Amino acid sequence: MITCDNRHDRVEYCFQCSAYPCQRFAAPSDTDSFISYRNVIADLERARVGGIEAYRAKLDERVDILEFLIANCNDGRRKGMFCLAANLLSLDDLRAVTERIRQADAVAGAADALARGATVEARAALAVALIEERATRANVELRLRRKG
């Protein structure tokens, strides 16, 4: 964005540029880096159509869900999966996953709060199962696309 900004309209977001959609966004990227680029074009369009404030509120909710998953369900091996899920799954799917985890915690924690704290592995397994179920239903592959 910095190099484009210097050559074009000095806008804050790509979708605000008079050249948008430019060559860079003519087609979706078929590879990813440390995050997935599968939703970039659709996300820019959501921000353009719905406004940046509404889009930002949805991003903030995704961040909150990601932080919940990492803080409560990460057994030390799930951060990448949770990041992909937060990036690729719909907000409705993410909300449903966190709600089911919270419900399971409430049931387990009602009898013994200490036991709830000791079951990070169980919570991680539940989170992974719920995320994979939602991803399968939505036909979303939770893997980064690499070159080659």
Foldseek 3Di string as FASTA:
>chain_A
DVVVCVVFDVDDDPLVTPCPPDPVVPDFDQFDDLAARPCVVVLSVCCVVVHVVVSVVLLVLLVVLLVCCCVQQDPPPCNSLSRLLSVPADPVLSVVLVVVLVVVLCVVPVVPVVVSVVVSVVSNVSSVVSSVVRCVVVVHDSDGGHDD
